[in-house]
Amino acid sequence: EFSRDVFRDTGRYLGVALASYVNIFNPELILIGGGVARSAELFMPIAEQTMRELAMSEPLKHVRLGLGALADRAGSLGMIARLREELSGRLKKPVDLVSESSIVPYFRDYIFRDLKIIYGTR
């Protein structure tokens, strides 16, 4: 029962945050991703209900709430994208992170699998 209460509270707090986000930015789509998305059925209904109760009606008309498809890979894929941006900016040219030799060695073992997924080179 305690863990259900925690997820309900989490859903309410997330809903309050989402309502604020909707009111400020007027998005068309909000995706929840990362590892937390695996437990979405425990908090998303309450989060969406709270968001819809608290957000202003006009920006709320067009917003959709969903789950990101990347799940646990979202963080490492975001890190890869950020690393690519940073390296491309410093080198003043596009960086090919698919090639193993161009990946910073201490990132290689952690992210090479996900790079193959991004670029479709399984």
PDB file of N, CA and C in Angstrom:
ATOM      1  N   GLU A   1       0.826  -1.206   0.000  1.00  0.00           N
ATOM      2  CA  GLU A   1       0.000   0.000   0.000  1.00  0.00           C
ATOM      3  C   GLU A   1       0.864   1.261   0.000  1.00  0.00           C
ATOM      4  N   PHE A   2       1.965   1.230   0.756  1.00  0.00           N
ATOM      5  CA  PHE A   2       2.847   2.392   0.811  1.00  0.00           C
ATOM      6  C   PHE A   2       3.422   2.710  -0.573  1.00  0.00           C
ATOM      7  N   SER A   3       3.850   1.682  -1.304  1.00  0.00           N
ATOM      8  CA  SER A   3       4.440   1.923  -2.624  1.00  0.00           C
ATOM      9  C   SER A   3       3.400   2.487  -3.600  1.00  0.00           C
ATOM     10  N   ARG A   4       2.149   2.063  -3.478  1.00  0.00           N
ATOM     11  CA  ARG A   4       1.101   2.628  -4.333  1.00  0.00           C
ATOM     12  C   ARG A   4       0.891   4.106  -4.017  1.00  0.00           C
ATOM     13  N   ASP A   5       0.936   4.436  -2.725  1.00  0.00           N
ATOM     14  CA  ASP A   5       0.811   5.844  -2.327  1.00  0.00           C
ATOM     15  C   ASP A   5       1.949   6.681  -2.905  1.00  0.00           C
ATOM     16  N   VAL A   6       3.138   6.118  -2.916  1.00  0.00           N
ATOM     17  CA  VAL A   6       4.298   6.834  -3.468  1.00  0.00           C
ATOM     18  C   VAL A   6       4.077   7.104  -4.956  1.00  0.00           C
ATOM     19  N   PHE A   7       3.603   6.118  -5.690  1.00  0.00           N
ATOM     20  CA  PHE A   7       3.355   6.315  -7.123  1.00  0.00           C
ATOM     21  C   PHE A   7       2.214   7.295  -7.360  1.00  0.00           C
ATOM     22  N   ARG A   8       1.169   7.259  -6.521  1.00  0.00           N
ATOM     23  CA  ARG A   8       0.078   8.232  -6.655  1.00  0.00           C
ATOM     24  C   ARG A   8       0.591   9.643  -6.420  1.00  0.00           C
ATOM     25  N   ASP A   9       1.382   9.809  -5.365  1.00  0.00           N
ATOM     26  CA  ASP A   9       1.958  11.134  -5.082  1.00  0.00           C
ATOM     27  C   ASP A   9       2.864  11.586  -6.221  1.00  0.00           C
ATOM     28  N   THR A  10       3.662  10.660  -6.728  1.00  0.00           N
ATOM     29  CA  THR A  10       4.541  10.972  -7.851  1.00  0.00           C
ATOM     30  C   THR A  10       3.717  11.435  -9.047  1.00  0.00           C
ATOM     31  N   GLY A  11       2.622  10.748  -9.325  1.00  0.00           N
ATOM     32  CA  GLY A  11       1.740  11.137 -10.421  1.00  0.00           C
ATOM     33  C   GLY A  11       1.176  12.526 -10.232  1.00  0.00           C
ATOM     34  N   ARG A  12       0.764  12.845  -8.998  1.00  0.00           N
ATOM     35  CA  ARG A  12       0.224  14.176  -8.727  1.00  0.00           C
ATOM     36  C   ARG A  12       1.287  15.255  -8.909  1.00  0.00           C
ATOM     37  N   TYR A  13       2.468  15.029  -8.358  1.00  0.00           N
ATOM     38  CA  TYR A  13       3.545  16.024  -8.499  1.00  0.00           C
ATOM     39  C   TYR A  13       3.955  16.192  -9.959  1.00  0.00           C
ATOM     40  N   LEU A  14       4.027  15.097 -10.677  1.00  0.00           N
ATOM     41  CA  LEU A  14       4.357  15.179 -12.096  1.00  0.00           C
ATOM     42  C   LEU A  14       3.257  15.933 -12.840  1.00  0.00           C
ATOM     43  N   GLY A  15       2.020  15.677 -12.505  1.00  0.00           N
ATOM     44  CA  GLY A  15       0.898  16.382 -13.138  1.00  0.00           C
ATOM     45  C   GLY A  15       0.945  17.876 -12.904  1.00  0.00           C
ATOM     46  N   VAL A  16       1.316  18.291 -11.695  1.00  0.00           N
ATOM     47  CA  VAL A  16       1.459  19.721 -11.400  1.00  0.00           C
ATOM     48  C   VAL A  16       2.566  20.318 -12.267  1.00  0.00           C
ATOM     49  N   ALA A  17       3.688  19.608 -12.354  1.00  0.00           N
ATOM     50  CA  ALA A  17       4.802  20.087 -13.183  1.00  0.00           C
ATOM     51  C   ALA A  17       4.406  20.145 -14.656  1.00  0.00           C
ATOM     52  N   LEU A  18       3.699  19.128 -15.133  1.00  0.00           N
ATOM     53  CA  LEU A  18       3.268  19.108 -16.529  1.00  0.00           C
ATOM     54  C   LEU A  18       2.292  20.244 -16.825  1.00  0.00           C
ATOM     55  N   ALA A  19       1.387  20.531 -15.898  1.00  0.00           N
ATOM     56  CA  ALA A  19       0.441  21.640 -16.090  1.00  0.00           C
ATOM     57  C   ALA A  19       1.194  22.963 -16.219  1.00  0.00           C
ATOM     58  N   SER A  20       2.195  23.155 -15.383  1.00  0.00           N
ATOM     59  CA  SER A  20       3.004  24.378 -15.476  1.00  0.00           C
ATOM     60  C   SER A  20       3.718  24.444 -16.821  1.00  0.00           C
ATOM     61  N   TYR A  21       4.272  23.326 -17.241  1.00  0.00           N
ATOM     62  CA  TYR A  21       4.965  23.268 -18.524  1.00  0.00           C
ATOM     63  C   TYR A  21       4.011  23.605 -19.670  1.00  0.00           C
ATOM     64  N   VAL A  22       2.815  23.032 -19.631  1.00  0.00           N
ATOM     65  CA  VAL A  22       1.807  23.294 -20.669  1.00  0.00           C
ATOM     66  C   VAL A  22       1.445  24.770 -20.677  1.00  0.00           C
ATOM     67  N   ASN A  23       1.236  25.356 -19.509  1.00  0.00           N
ATOM     68  CA  ASN A  23       0.848  26.761 -19.420  1.00  0.00           C
ATOM     69  C   ASN A  23       1.937  27.694 -19.944  1.00  0.00           C
ATOM     70  N   ILE A  24       3.182  27.356 -19.726  1.00  0.00           N
ATOM     71  CA  ILE A  24       4.291  28.228 -20.129  1.00  0.00           C
ATOM     72  C   ILE A  24       4.682  28.041 -21.592  1.00  0.00           C
ATOM     73  N   PHE A  25       4.804  26.774 -22.028  1.00  0.00           N
ATOM     74  CA  PHE A  25       5.378  26.495 -23.345  1.00  0.00           C
ATOM     75  C   PHE A  25       4.376  26.101 -24.425  1.00  0.00           C
ATOM     76  N   ASN A  26       3.158  25.770 -24.052  1.00  0.00           N
ATOM     77  CA  ASN A  26       2.117  25.408 -25.010  1.00  0.00           C
ATOM     78  C   ASN A  26       2.589  24.321 -25.988  1.00  0.00           C
ATOM     79  N   PRO A  27       3.066  23.175 -25.482  1.00  0.00           N
ATOM     80  CA  PRO A  27       3.574  22.132 -26.382  1.00  0.00           C
ATOM     81  C   PRO A  27       2.436  21.357 -27.040  1.00  0.00           C
ATOM     82  N   GLU A  28       2.756  20.706 -28.132  1.00  0.00           N
ATOM     83  CA  GLU A  28       1.799  19.815 -28.775  1.00  0.00           C
ATOM     84  C   GLU A  28       1.927  18.402 -28.235  1.00  0.00           C
ATOM     85  N   LEU A  29       3.148  18.039 -27.816  1.00  0.00           N
ATOM     86  CA  LEU A  29       3.412  16.677 -27.365  1.00  0.00           C
ATOM     87  C   LEU A  29       4.398  16.710 -26.210  1.00  0.00           C
ATOM     88  N   ILE A  30       4.112  15.937 -25.182  1.00  0.00           N
ATOM     89  CA  ILE A  30       5.031  15.743 -24.061  1.00  0.00           C
ATOM     90  C   ILE A  30       5.280  14.246 -23.954  1.00  0.00           C
ATOM     91  N   LEU A  31       6.547  13.861 -24.022  1.00  0.00           N
ATOM     92  CA  LEU A  31       6.909  12.454 -23.898  1.00  0.00           C
ATOM     93  C   LEU A  31       7.620  12.214 -22.582  1.00  0.00           C
ATOM     94  N   ILE A  32       7.220  11.184 -21.887  1.00  0.00           N
ATOM     95  CA  ILE A  32       7.881  10.736 -20.673  1.00  0.00           C
ATOM     96  C   ILE A  32       8.767   9.565 -21.074  1.00  0.00           C
ATOM     97  N   GLY A  33      10.039   9.625 -20.749  1.00  0.00           N
ATOM     98  CA  GLY A  33      10.944   8.578 -21.185  1.00  0.00           C
ATOM     99  C   GLY A  33      11.881   8.137 -20.089  1.00  0.00           C
ATOM    100  N   GLY A  34      12.874   7.398 -20.478  1.00  0.00           N
ATOM    101  CA  GLY A  34      13.844   6.869 -19.528  1.00  0.00           C
ATOM    102  C   GLY A  34      13.288   5.663 -18.804  1.00  0.00           C
ATOM    103  N   GLY A  35      14.013   5.214 -17.807  1.00  0.00           N
ATOM    104  CA  GLY A  35      13.622   4.034 -17.059  1.00  0.00           C
ATOM    105  C   GLY A  35      12.293   4.185 -16.347  1.00  0.00           C
ATOM    106  N   VAL A  36      11.951   5.416 -15.998  1.00  0.00           N
ATOM    107  CA  VAL A  36      10.697   5.654 -15.280  1.00  0.00           C
ATOM    108  C   VAL A  36       9.484   5.281 -16.134  1.00  0.00           C
ATOM    109  N   ALA A  37       9.635   5.314 -17.437  1.00  0.00           N
ATOM    110  CA  ALA A  37       8.514   4.990 -18.326  1.00  0.00           C
ATOM    111  C   ALA A  37       8.045   3.545 -18.171  1.00  0.00           C
ATOM    112  N   ARG A  38       8.917   2.685 -17.662  1.00  0.00           N
ATOM    113  CA  ARG A  38       8.513   1.291 -17.463  1.00  0.00           C
ATOM    114  C   ARG A  38       7.431   1.149 -16.394  1.00  0.00           C
ATOM    115  N   SER A  39       7.325   2.126 -15.504  1.00  0.00           N
ATOM    116  CA  SER A  39       6.317   2.091 -14.438  1.00  0.00           C
ATOM    117  C   SER A  39       5.172   3.056 -14.709  1.00  0.00           C
ATOM    118  N   ALA A  40       5.022   3.465 -15.932  1.00  0.00           N
ATOM    119  CA  ALA A  40       4.050   4.505 -16.277  1.00  0.00           C
ATOM    120  C   ALA A  40       2.622   4.170 -15.856  1.00  0.00           C
ATOM    121  N   GLU A  41       2.248   2.915 -15.956  1.00  0.00           N
ATOM    122  CA  GLU A  41       0.860   2.563 -15.600  1.00  0.00           C
ATOM    123  C   GLU A  41       0.546   2.849 -14.138  1.00  0.00           C
ATOM    124  N   LEU A  42       1.579   3.014 -13.320  1.00  0.00           N
ATOM    125  CA  LEU A  42       1.368   3.271 -11.902  1.00  0.00           C
ATOM    126  C   LEU A  42       1.197   4.753 -11.570  1.00  0.00           C
ATOM    127  N   PHE A  43       1.653   5.650 -12.448  1.00  0.00           N
ATOM    128  CA  PHE A  43       1.551   7.070 -12.121  1.00  0.00           C
ATOM    129  C   PHE A  43       1.014   7.952 -13.251  1.00  0.00           C
ATOM    130  N   MET A  44       1.063   7.504 -14.494  1.00  0.00           N
ATOM    131  CA  MET A  44       0.653   8.355 -15.619  1.00  0.00           C
ATOM    132  C   MET A  44      -0.829   8.726 -15.611  1.00  0.00           C
ATOM    133  N   PRO A  45      -1.748   7.815 -15.280  1.00  0.00           N
ATOM    134  CA  PRO A  45      -3.158   8.245 -15.263  1.00  0.00           C
ATOM    135  C   PRO A  45      -3.396   9.405 -14.292  1.00  0.00           C
ATOM    136  N   ILE A  46      -2.793   9.343 -13.125  1.00  0.00           N
ATOM    137  CA  ILE A  46      -2.958  10.425 -12.147  1.00  0.00           C
ATOM    138  C   ILE A  46      -2.248  11.685 -12.620  1.00  0.00           C
ATOM    139  N   ALA A  47      -1.066  11.520 -13.232  1.00  0.00           N
ATOM    140  CA  ALA A  47      -0.329  12.674 -13.750  1.00  0.00           C
ATOM    141  C   ALA A  47      -1.137  13.384 -14.831  1.00  0.00           C
ATOM    142  N   GLU A  48      -1.701  12.616 -15.743  1.00  0.00           N
ATOM    143  CA  GLU A  48      -2.484  13.232 -16.823  1.00  0.00           C
ATOM    144  C   GLU A  48      -3.746  13.893 -16.284  1.00  0.00           C
ATOM    145  N   GLN A  49      -4.420  13.241 -15.356  1.00  0.00           N
ATOM    146  CA  GLN A  49      -5.628  13.819 -14.764  1.00  0.00           C
ATOM    147  C   GLN A  49      -5.298  15.139 -14.062  1.00  0.00           C
ATOM    148  N   THR A  50      -4.224  15.144 -13.283  1.00  0.00           N
ATOM    149  CA  THR A  50      -3.817  16.357 -12.567  1.00  0.00           C
ATOM    150  C   THR A  50      -3.441  17.458 -13.549  1.00  0.00           C
ATOM    151  N   MET A  51      -2.688  17.094 -14.586  1.00  0.00           N
ATOM    152  CA  MET A  51      -2.301  18.074 -15.602  1.00  0.00           C
ATOM    153  C   MET A  51      -3.538  18.703 -16.226  1.00  0.00           C
ATOM    154  N   ARG A  52      -4.515  17.884 -16.575  1.00  0.00           N
ATOM    155  CA  ARG A  52      -5.722  18.393 -17.233  1.00  0.00           C
ATOM    156  C   ARG A  52      -6.584  19.241 -16.292  1.00  0.00           C
ATOM    157  N   GLU A  53      -6.538  18.946 -15.001  1.00  0.00           N
ATOM    158  CA  GLU A  53      -7.280  19.748 -14.026  1.00  0.00           C
ATOM    159  C   GLU A  53      -6.644  21.116 -13.799  1.00  0.00           C
ATOM    160  N   LEU A  54      -5.325  21.196 -13.879  1.00  0.00           N
ATOM    161  CA  LEU A  54      -4.611  22.416 -13.495  1.00  0.00           C
ATOM    162  C   LEU A  54      -4.169  23.308 -14.644  1.00  0.00           C
ATOM    163  N   ALA A  55      -4.003  22.750 -15.823  1.00  0.00           N
ATOM    164  CA  ALA A  55      -3.520  23.550 -16.951  1.00  0.00           C
ATOM    165  C   ALA A  55      -4.634  24.444 -17.489  1.00  0.00           C
ATOM    166  N   MET A  56      -4.235  25.555 -18.093  1.00  0.00           N
ATOM    167  CA  MET A  56      -5.200  26.453 -18.716  1.00  0.00           C
ATOM    168  C   MET A  56      -5.824  25.764 -19.927  1.00  0.00           C
ATOM    169  N   SER A  57      -7.069  26.080 -20.181  1.00  0.00           N
ATOM    170  CA  SER A  57      -7.824  25.338 -21.198  1.00  0.00           C
ATOM    171  C   SER A  57      -7.287  25.523 -22.618  1.00  0.00           C
ATOM    172  N   GLU A  58      -6.859  26.714 -22.978  1.00  0.00           N
ATOM    173  CA  GLU A  58      -6.417  26.938 -24.359  1.00  0.00           C
ATOM    174  C   GLU A  58      -5.155  26.139 -24.714  1.00  0.00           C
ATOM    175  N   PRO A  59      -4.067  26.223 -23.951  1.00  0.00           N
ATOM    176  CA  PRO A  59      -2.910  25.409 -24.320  1.00  0.00           C
ATOM    177  C   PRO A  59      -3.160  23.910 -24.159  1.00  0.00           C
ATOM    178  N   LEU A  60      -4.077  23.558 -23.299  1.00  0.00           N
ATOM    179  CA  LEU A  60      -4.368  22.145 -23.050  1.00  0.00           C
ATOM    180  C   LEU A  60      -5.111  21.481 -24.213  1.00  0.00           C
ATOM    181  N   LYS A  61      -5.771  22.274 -25.039  1.00  0.00           N
ATOM    182  CA  LYS A  61      -6.559  21.732 -26.148  1.00  0.00           C
ATOM    183  C   LYS A  61      -5.737  20.854 -27.083  1.00  0.00           C
ATOM    184  N   HIS A  62      -4.488  21.211 -27.285  1.00  0.00           N
ATOM    185  CA  HIS A  62      -3.698  20.555 -28.324  1.00  0.00           C
ATOM    186  C   HIS A  62      -2.602  19.644 -27.797  1.00  0.00           C
ATOM    187  N   VAL A  63      -2.456  19.563 -26.498  1.00  0.00           N
ATOM    188  CA  VAL A  63      -1.339  18.785 -25.951  1.00  0.00           C
ATOM    189  C   VAL A  63      -1.681  17.300 -25.882  1.00  0.00           C
ATOM    190  N   ARG A  64      -0.698  16.472 -26.260  1.00  0.00           N
ATOM    191  CA  ARG A  64      -0.811  15.025 -26.110  1.00  0.00           C
ATOM    192  C   ARG A  64       0.293  14.574 -25.178  1.00  0.00           C
ATOM    193  N   LEU A  65      -0.007  13.617 -24.351  1.00  0.00           N
ATOM    194  CA  LEU A  65       0.948  13.073 -23.398  1.00  0.00           C
ATOM    195  C   LEU A  65       1.212  11.622 -23.776  1.00  0.00           C
ATOM    196  N   GLY A  66       2.479  11.245 -23.853  1.00  0.00           N
ATOM    197  CA  GLY A  66       2.788   9.877 -24.257  1.00  0.00           C
ATOM    198  C   GLY A  66       4.093   9.393 -23.657  1.00  0.00           C
ATOM    199  N   LEU A  67       4.446   8.179 -24.015  1.00  0.00           N
ATOM    200  CA  LEU A  67       5.681   7.565 -23.540  1.00  0.00           C
ATOM    201  C   LEU A  67       6.701   7.520 -24.672  1.00  0.00           C
ATOM    202  N   GLY A  68       7.923   7.874 -24.346  1.00  0.00           N
ATOM    203  CA  GLY A  68       8.996   7.817 -25.328  1.00  0.00           C
ATOM    204  C   GLY A  68       9.344   6.375 -25.661  1.00  0.00           C
ATOM    205  N   ALA A  69       9.768   6.143 -26.873  1.00  0.00           N
ATOM    206  CA  ALA A  69      10.078   4.787 -27.333  1.00  0.00           C
ATOM    207  C   ALA A  69      11.464   4.323 -26.922  1.00  0.00           C
ATOM    208  N   LEU A  70      12.320   5.227 -26.460  1.00  0.00           N
ATOM    209  CA  LEU A  70      13.709   4.859 -26.179  1.00  0.00           C
ATOM    210  C   LEU A  70      13.913   4.207 -24.815  1.00  0.00           C
ATOM    211  N   ALA A  71      12.961   4.379 -23.916  1.00  0.00           N
ATOM    212  CA  ALA A  71      12.993   3.763 -22.573  1.00  0.00           C
ATOM    213  C   ALA A  71      14.349   3.951 -21.898  1.00  0.00           C
ATOM    214  N   ASP A  72      14.996   2.869 -21.491  1.00  0.00           N
ATOM    215  CA  ASP A  72      16.259   2.959 -20.756  1.00  0.00           C
ATOM    216  C   ASP A  72      17.397   3.549 -21.579  1.00  0.00           C
ATOM    217  N   ARG A  73      17.247   3.575 -22.875  1.00  0.00           N
ATOM    218  CA  ARG A  73      18.321   4.096 -23.729  1.00  0.00           C
ATOM    219  C   ARG A  73      18.288   5.619 -23.852  1.00  0.00           C
ATOM    220  N   ALA A  74      17.245   6.261 -23.380  1.00  0.00           N
ATOM    221  CA  ALA A  74      17.099   7.698 -23.571  1.00  0.00           C
ATOM    222  C   ALA A  74      18.296   8.474 -23.035  1.00  0.00           C
ATOM    223  N   GLY A  75      18.762   8.138 -21.860  1.00  0.00           N
ATOM    224  CA  GLY A  75      19.884   8.862 -21.270  1.00  0.00           C
ATOM    225  C   GLY A  75      21.166   8.707 -22.058  1.00  0.00           C
ATOM    226  N   SER A  76      21.500   7.479 -22.412  1.00  0.00           N
ATOM    227  CA  SER A  76      22.757   7.271 -23.143  1.00  0.00           C
ATOM    228  C   SER A  76      22.669   7.834 -24.560  1.00  0.00           C
ATOM    229  N   LEU A  77      21.495   7.767 -25.189  1.00  0.00           N
ATOM    230  CA  LEU A  77      21.354   8.345 -26.521  1.00  0.00           C
ATOM    231  C   LEU A  77      21.437   9.866 -26.470  1.00  0.00           C
ATOM    232  N   GLY A  78      20.880  10.454 -25.430  1.00  0.00           N
ATOM    233  CA  GLY A  78      21.011  11.902 -25.248  1.00  0.00           C
ATOM    234  C   GLY A  78      22.461  12.298 -25.030  1.00  0.00           C
ATOM    235  N   MET A  79      23.180  11.495 -24.260  1.00  0.00           N
ATOM    236  CA  MET A  79      24.595  11.761 -24.032  1.00  0.00           C
ATOM    237  C   MET A  79      25.363  11.671 -25.353  1.00  0.00           C
ATOM    238  N   ILE A  80      25.033  10.693 -26.165  1.00  0.00           N
ATOM    239  CA  ILE A  80      25.695  10.541 -27.465  1.00  0.00           C
ATOM    240  C   ILE A  80      25.430  11.764 -28.335  1.00  0.00           C
ATOM    241  N   ALA A  81      24.187  12.199 -28.392  1.00  0.00           N
ATOM    242  CA  ALA A  81      23.850  13.367 -29.205  1.00  0.00           C
ATOM    243  C   ALA A  81      24.591  14.602 -28.711  1.00  0.00           C
ATOM    244  N   ARG A  82      24.641  14.771 -27.401  1.00  0.00           N
ATOM    245  CA  ARG A  82      25.340  15.927 -26.828  1.00  0.00           C
ATOM    246  C   ARG A  82      26.841  15.853 -27.097  1.00  0.00           C
ATOM    247  N   LEU A  83      27.421  14.672 -26.980  1.00  0.00           N
ATOM    248  CA  LEU A  83      28.845  14.480 -27.257  1.00  0.00           C
ATOM    249  C   LEU A  83      29.138  14.810 -28.717  1.00  0.00           C
ATOM    250  N   ARG A  84      28.268  14.364 -29.591  1.00  0.00           N
ATOM    251  CA  ARG A  84      28.461  14.638 -31.018  1.00  0.00           C
ATOM    252  C   ARG A  84      28.402  16.135 -31.293  1.00  0.00           C
ATOM    253  N   GLU A  85      27.429  16.833 -30.690  1.00  0.00           N
ATOM    254  CA  GLU A  85      27.330  18.288 -30.854  1.00  0.00           C
ATOM    255  C   GLU A  85      28.595  18.981 -30.370  1.00  0.00           C
ATOM    256  N   GLU A  86      29.049  18.585 -29.196  1.00  0.00           N
ATOM    257  CA  GLU A  86      30.235  19.210 -28.594  1.00  0.00           C
ATOM    258  C   GLU A  86      31.469  18.986 -29.451  1.00  0.00           C
ATOM    259  N   LEU A  87      31.694  17.763 -29.865  1.00  0.00           N
ATOM    260  CA  LEU A  87      32.878  17.472 -30.677  1.00  0.00           C
ATOM    261  C   LEU A  87      32.802  18.153 -32.034  1.00  0.00           C
ATOM    262  N   SER A  88      31.622  18.168 -32.638  1.00  0.00           N
ATOM    263  CA  SER A  88      31.471  18.830 -33.935  1.00  0.00           C
ATOM    264  C   SER A  88      31.747  20.320 -33.813  1.00  0.00           C
ATOM    265  N   GLY A  89      31.285  20.930 -32.722  1.00  0.00           N
ATOM    266  CA  GLY A  89      31.524  22.358 -32.504  1.00  0.00           C
ATOM    267  C   GLY A  89      32.993  22.669 -32.291  1.00  0.00           C
ATOM    268  N   ARG A  90      33.682  21.858 -31.525  1.00  0.00           N
ATOM    269  CA  ARG A  90      35.099  22.097 -31.258  1.00  0.00           C
ATOM    270  C   ARG A  90      35.957  21.869 -32.493  1.00  0.00           C
ATOM    271  N   LEU A  91      35.602  20.865 -33.276  1.00  0.00           N
ATOM    272  CA  LEU A  91      36.405  20.524 -34.450  1.00  0.00           C
ATOM    273  C   LEU A  91      35.973  21.305 -35.690  1.00  0.00           C
ATOM    274  N   LYS A  92      34.852  22.036 -35.571  1.00  0.00           N
ATOM    275  CA  LYS A  92      34.298  22.823 -36.681  1.00  0.00           C
ATOM    276  C   LYS A  92      33.969  21.967 -37.907  1.00  0.00           C
ATOM    277  N   LYS A  93      33.635  20.707 -37.653  1.00  0.00           N
ATOM    278  CA  LYS A  93      33.217  19.812 -38.723  1.00  0.00           C
ATOM    279  C   LYS A  93      32.377  18.700 -38.107  1.00  0.00           C
ATOM    280  N   PRO A  94      31.531  18.048 -38.913  1.00  0.00           N
ATOM    281  CA  PRO A  94      30.726  16.939 -38.376  1.00  0.00           C
ATOM    282  C   PRO A  94      31.624  15.804 -37.865  1.00  0.00           C
ATOM    283  N   VAL A  95      31.185  15.164 -36.811  1.00  0.00           N
ATOM    284  CA  VAL A  95      31.933  14.056 -36.227  1.00  0.00           C
ATOM    285  C   VAL A  95      31.154  12.776 -36.460  1.00  0.00           C
ATOM    286  N   ASP A  96      31.829  11.753 -36.949  1.00  0.00           N
ATOM    287  CA  ASP A  96      31.207  10.454 -37.172  1.00  0.00           C
ATOM    288  C   ASP A  96      31.452   9.584 -35.950  1.00  0.00           C
ATOM    289  N   LEU A  97      30.436   9.483 -35.093  1.00  0.00           N
ATOM    290  CA  LEU A  97      30.589   8.694 -33.870  1.00  0.00           C
ATOM    291  C   LEU A  97      30.357   7.214 -34.096  1.00  0.00           C
ATOM    292  N   VAL A  98      29.939   6.817 -35.290  1.00  0.00           N
ATOM    293  CA  VAL A  98      29.708   5.406 -35.548  1.00  0.00           C
ATOM    294  C   VAL A  98      31.034   4.663 -35.632  1.00  0.00           C
ATOM    295  N   SER A  99      32.018   5.315 -36.165  1.00  0.00           N
ATOM    296  CA  SER A  99      33.335   4.703 -36.267  1.00  0.00           C
ATOM    297  C   SER A  99      33.942   4.585 -34.881  1.00  0.00           C
ATOM    298  N   GLU A 100      34.308   3.390 -34.487  1.00  0.00           N
ATOM    299  CA  GLU A 100      34.843   3.157 -33.143  1.00  0.00           C
ATOM    300  C   GLU A 100      36.050   4.026 -32.847  1.00  0.00           C
ATOM    301  N   SER A 101      36.882   4.281 -33.823  1.00  0.00           N
ATOM    302  CA  SER A 101      38.118   5.015 -33.577  1.00  0.00           C
ATOM    303  C   SER A 101      37.873   6.475 -33.228  1.00  0.00           C
ATOM    304  N   SER A 102      36.698   7.026 -33.576  1.00  0.00           N
ATOM    305  CA  SER A 102      36.449   8.434 -33.277  1.00  0.00           C
ATOM    306  C   SER A 102      35.752   8.646 -31.947  1.00  0.00           C
ATOM    307  N   ILE A 103      35.399   7.587 -31.239  1.00  0.00           N
ATOM    308  CA  ILE A 103      34.716   7.714 -29.959  1.00  0.00           C
ATOM    309  C   ILE A 103      35.749   7.848 -28.851  1.00  0.00           C
ATOM    310  N   VAL A 104      35.498   8.782 -27.957  1.00  0.00           N
ATOM    311  CA  VAL A 104      36.380   8.934 -26.811  1.00  0.00           C
ATOM    312  C   VAL A 104      36.454   7.585 -26.099  1.00  0.00           C
ATOM    313  N   PRO A 105      37.671   7.062 -25.874  1.00  0.00           N
ATOM    314  CA  PRO A 105      37.813   5.681 -25.377  1.00  0.00           C
ATOM    315  C   PRO A 105      36.997   5.346 -24.136  1.00  0.00           C
ATOM    316  N   TYR A 106      36.875   6.235 -23.171  1.00  0.00           N
ATOM    317  CA  TYR A 106      36.146   5.859 -21.962  1.00  0.00           C
ATOM    318  C   TYR A 106      34.639   5.853 -22.151  1.00  0.00           C
ATOM    319  N   PHE A 107      34.142   6.379 -23.262  1.00  0.00           N
ATOM    320  CA  PHE A 107      32.726   6.259 -23.573  1.00  0.00           C
ATOM    321  C   PHE A 107      32.439   5.014 -24.395  1.00  0.00           C
ATOM    322  N   ARG A 108      33.416   4.522 -25.116  1.00  0.00           N
ATOM    323  CA  ARG A 108      33.207   3.498 -26.134  1.00  0.00           C
ATOM    324  C   ARG A 108      32.449   2.277 -25.627  1.00  0.00           C
ATOM    325  N   ASP A 109      32.887   1.678 -24.554  1.00  0.00           N
ATOM    326  CA  ASP A 109      32.236   0.453 -24.083  1.00  0.00           C
ATOM    327  C   ASP A 109      30.802   0.701 -23.645  1.00  0.00           C
ATOM    328  N   TYR A 110      30.563   1.865 -23.090  1.00  0.00           N
ATOM    329  CA  TYR A 110      29.240   2.167 -22.548  1.00  0.00           C
ATOM    330  C   TYR A 110      28.224   2.468 -23.637  1.00  0.00           C
ATOM    331  N   ILE A 111      28.626   3.165 -24.695  1.00  0.00           N
ATOM    332  CA  ILE A 111      27.643   3.663 -25.648  1.00  0.00           C
ATOM    333  C   ILE A 111      27.716   3.073 -27.050  1.00  0.00           C
ATOM    334  N   PHE A 112      28.711   2.283 -27.376  1.00  0.00           N
ATOM    335  CA  PHE A 112      28.842   1.816 -28.750  1.00  0.00           C
ATOM    336  C   PHE A 112      27.620   1.014 -29.200  1.00  0.00           C
ATOM    337  N   ARG A 113      27.064   0.223 -28.310  1.00  0.00           N
ATOM    338  CA  ARG A 113      25.855  -0.542 -28.640  1.00  0.00           C
ATOM    339  C   ARG A 113      24.715   0.385 -29.043  1.00  0.00           C
ATOM    340  N   ASP A 114      24.529   1.487 -28.306  1.00  0.00           N
ATOM    341  CA  ASP A 114      23.446   2.410 -28.611  1.00  0.00           C
ATOM    342  C   ASP A 114      23.713   3.211 -29.875  1.00  0.00           C
ATOM    343  N   LEU A 115      24.961   3.479 -30.182  1.00  0.00           N
ATOM    344  CA  LEU A 115      25.283   4.162 -31.432  1.00  0.00           C
ATOM    345  C   LEU A 115      24.823   3.332 -32.627  1.00  0.00           C
ATOM    346  N   LYS A 116      25.010   2.044 -32.526  1.00  0.00           N
ATOM    347  CA  LYS A 116      24.583   1.169 -33.618  1.00  0.00           C
ATOM    348  C   LYS A 116      23.068   1.241 -33.794  1.00  0.00           C
ATOM    349  N   ILE A 117      22.351   1.382 -32.698  1.00  0.00           N
ATOM    350  CA  ILE A 117      20.892   1.483 -32.777  1.00  0.00           C
ATOM    351  C   ILE A 117      20.496   2.807 -33.442  1.00  0.00           C
ATOM    352  N   ILE A 118      21.147   3.914 -33.052  1.00  0.00           N
ATOM    353  CA  ILE A 118      20.816   5.220 -33.614  1.00  0.00           C
ATOM    354  C   ILE A 118      21.011   5.218 -35.134  1.00  0.00           C
ATOM    355  N   TYR A 119      22.126   4.702 -35.554  1.00  0.00           N
ATOM    356  CA  TYR A 119      22.471   4.772 -36.970  1.00  0.00           C
ATOM    357  C   TYR A 119      22.044   3.538 -37.752  1.00  0.00           C
ATOM    358  N   GLY A 120      21.362   2.620 -37.116  1.00  0.00           N
ATOM    359  CA  GLY A 120      20.824   1.453 -37.805  1.00  0.00           C
ATOM    360  C   GLY A 120      21.884   0.503 -38.326  1.00  0.00           C
ATOM    361  N   THR A 121      22.985   0.396 -37.611  1.00  0.00           N
ATOM    362  CA  THR A 121      24.069  -0.477 -38.056  1.00  0.00           C
ATOM    363  C   THR A 121      24.257  -1.625 -37.079  1.00  0.00           C
ATOM    364  N   ARG A 122      23.202  -2.294 -36.730  1.00  0.00           N
ATOM    365  CA  ARG A 122      23.236  -3.349 -35.723  1.00  0.00           C
ATOM    366  C   ARG A 122      24.275  -4.353 -35.952  1.00  0.00           C
TER     367      ARG A 122
END
